[in-house]
Amino acid sequence: MVRFHINSYERVLETTALLSGDEYRRPGPLDHGNPYETLLHVFGADWGWREFLIGNDDDSDPEGWPFPDLATIRAPRRPTRT
């Protein structure tokens, strides 16, 4: 299940990388306004659960939060994918 989650998230990031800068930040009918804000939300929720599951329940954000662009959002996830 974890592998599925990681692979699914990676596919979302790969698809998002196909968007132009304007499309990535353009307001739309998404719950969080645009793809950028939606990815921040998804990553933040994912980060919170991961921290909780490994015993870190201090509710802190990852270093550099909020991440300014797609490359920065992707960086912490790269080591977990095989």
C-alpha atoms as a PDB file:
ATOM      1  CA  MET A   1       0.000   0.000   0.000  1.00  0.00           C
ATOM      2  CA  VAL A   2       2.839   2.385   0.799  1.00  0.00           C
ATOM      3  CA  ARG A   3       4.507   1.605  -2.537  1.00  0.00           C
ATOM      4  CA  PHE A   4       1.208   2.345  -4.325  1.00  0.00           C
ATOM      5  CA  HIS A   5       0.929   5.670  -2.495  1.00  0.00           C
ATOM      6  CA  ILE A   6       4.498   6.652  -3.399  1.00  0.00           C
ATOM      7  CA  ASN A   7       4.077   5.676  -7.046  1.00  0.00           C
ATOM      8  CA  SER A   8       0.720   7.460  -7.321  1.00  0.00           C
ATOM      9  CA  TYR A   9       2.150  10.638  -5.818  1.00  0.00           C
ATOM     10  CA  GLU A  10       5.098  10.449  -8.205  1.00  0.00           C
ATOM     11  CA  ARG A  11       2.706  10.178 -11.163  1.00  0.00           C
ATOM     12  CA  VAL A  12       0.884  13.297  -9.932  1.00  0.00           C
ATOM     13  CA  LEU A  13       4.210  15.154  -9.751  1.00  0.00           C
ATOM     14  CA  GLU A  14       5.250  13.955 -13.229  1.00  0.00           C
ATOM     15  CA  THR A  15       1.934  15.088 -14.701  1.00  0.00           C
ATOM     16  CA  THR A  16       2.109  18.422 -12.899  1.00  0.00           C
ATOM     17  CA  ALA A  17       5.582  18.984 -14.384  1.00  0.00           C
ATOM     18  CA  LEU A  18       3.925  19.088 -17.821  1.00  0.00           C
ATOM     19  CA  LEU A  19       2.037  22.264 -16.881  1.00  0.00           C
ATOM     20  CA  SER A  20       3.362  25.662 -17.863  1.00  0.00           C
ATOM     21  CA  GLY A  21       4.222  28.089 -15.069  1.00  0.00           C
ATOM     22  CA  ASP A  22       0.990  29.945 -15.752  1.00  0.00           C
ATOM     23  CA  GLU A  23      -1.107  26.771 -15.634  1.00  0.00           C
ATOM     24  CA  TYR A  24       0.611  25.690 -12.421  1.00  0.00           C
ATOM     25  CA  ARG A  25      -0.368  28.893 -10.588  1.00  0.00           C
ATOM     26  CA  ARG A  26      -3.599  29.785 -12.451  1.00  0.00           C
ATOM     27  CA  PRO A  27      -6.725  29.835 -10.249  1.00  0.00           C
ATOM     28  CA  GLY A  28      -9.200  27.146 -11.156  1.00  0.00           C
ATOM     29  CA  PRO A  29     -12.022  24.965  -9.850  1.00  0.00           C
ATOM     30  CA  LEU A  30      -9.786  23.082  -7.432  1.00  0.00           C
ATOM     31  CA  ASP A  31     -10.432  22.936  -3.692  1.00  0.00           C
ATOM     32  CA  HIS A  32      -7.167  24.757  -2.991  1.00  0.00           C
ATOM     33  CA  GLY A  33      -7.286  27.212  -5.902  1.00  0.00           C
ATOM     34  CA  ASN A  34      -4.585  25.963  -8.271  1.00  0.00           C
ATOM     35  CA  PRO A  35      -2.269  22.980  -8.812  1.00  0.00           C
ATOM     36  CA  TYR A  36       0.509  24.594  -6.740  1.00  0.00           C
ATOM     37  CA  GLU A  37      -1.682  25.132  -3.659  1.00  0.00           C
ATOM     38  CA  THR A  38      -3.207  21.674  -4.090  1.00  0.00           C
ATOM     39  CA  LEU A  39       0.244  20.042  -4.142  1.00  0.00           C
ATOM     40  CA  LEU A  40       1.260  21.987  -1.045  1.00  0.00           C
ATOM     41  CA  HIS A  41      -1.848  20.699   0.699  1.00  0.00           C
ATOM     42  CA  VAL A  42      -1.244  17.087  -0.386  1.00  0.00           C
ATOM     43  CA  PHE A  43       2.431  17.223   0.558  1.00  0.00           C
ATOM     44  CA  GLY A  44       1.652  18.833   3.915  1.00  0.00           C
ATOM     45  CA  ALA A  45      -0.918  16.154   4.748  1.00  0.00           C
ATOM     46  CA  ASP A  46       1.462  13.421   3.606  1.00  0.00           C
ATOM     47  CA  TRP A  47       4.284  14.930   5.670  1.00  0.00           C
ATOM     48  CA  GLY A  48       2.090  15.149   8.763  1.00  0.00           C
ATOM     49  CA  TRP A  49       1.032  11.505   8.542  1.00  0.00           C
ATOM     50  CA  ARG A  50       4.577  10.331   7.880  1.00  0.00           C
ATOM     51  CA  GLU A  51       5.882  12.243  10.894  1.00  0.00           C
ATOM     52  CA  PHE A  52       3.080  10.913  13.089  1.00  0.00           C
ATOM     53  CA  LEU A  53       3.722   7.319  11.999  1.00  0.00           C
ATOM     54  CA  ILE A  54       7.418   7.535  12.847  1.00  0.00           C
ATOM     55  CA  GLY A  55       6.634   9.039  16.245  1.00  0.00           C
ATOM     56  CA  ASN A  56       7.213  12.755  15.620  1.00  0.00           C
ATOM     57  CA  ASP A  57       3.990  14.377  16.719  1.00  0.00           C
ATOM     58  CA  ASP A  58       5.271  17.916  17.295  1.00  0.00           C
ATOM     59  CA  ASP A  59       3.255  19.246  14.299  1.00  0.00           C
ATOM     60  CA  SER A  60       6.271  20.983  12.723  1.00  0.00           C
ATOM     61  CA  ASP A  61       6.531  21.776   9.028  1.00  0.00           C
ATOM     62  CA  PRO A  62       9.334  20.451   6.840  1.00  0.00           C
ATOM     63  CA  GLU A  63      12.413  22.660   6.501  1.00  0.00           C
ATOM     64  CA  GLY A  64      11.845  25.351   3.863  1.00  0.00           C
ATOM     65  CA  TRP A  65       8.044  25.248   4.091  1.00  0.00           C
ATOM     66  CA  PRO A  66       6.084  26.407   2.169  1.00  0.00           C
ATOM     67  CA  PHE A  67       8.010  25.153  -0.827  1.00  0.00           C
ATOM     68  CA  PRO A  68       8.206  27.765  -3.591  1.00  0.00           C
ATOM     69  CA  ASP A  69       8.081  25.506  -6.675  1.00  0.00           C
ATOM     70  CA  LEU A  70       7.542  22.007  -8.033  1.00  0.00           C
ATOM     71  CA  ALA A  71      11.235  21.076  -7.907  1.00  0.00           C
ATOM     72  CA  THR A  72      11.347  21.864  -4.186  1.00  0.00           C
ATOM     73  CA  ILE A  73       8.123  19.934  -3.545  1.00  0.00           C
ATOM     74  CA  ARG A  74       9.631  16.910  -5.326  1.00  0.00           C
ATOM     75  CA  ALA A  75      13.054  16.960  -3.655  1.00  0.00           C
ATOM     76  CA  PRO A  76      12.215  15.367  -0.262  1.00  0.00           C
ATOM     77  CA  ARG A  77      10.349  12.507  -1.930  1.00  0.00           C
ATOM     78  CA  ARG A  78      13.072  11.340  -4.311  1.00  0.00           C
ATOM     79  CA  PRO A  79      14.961   9.075  -1.877  1.00  0.00           C
ATOM     80  CA  THR A  80      11.803   7.089  -1.038  1.00  0.00           C
ATOM     81  CA  ARG A  81      11.070   5.938  -4.597  1.00  0.00           C
ATOM     82  CA  THR A  82      12.668   2.738  -5.906  1.00  0.00           C
END
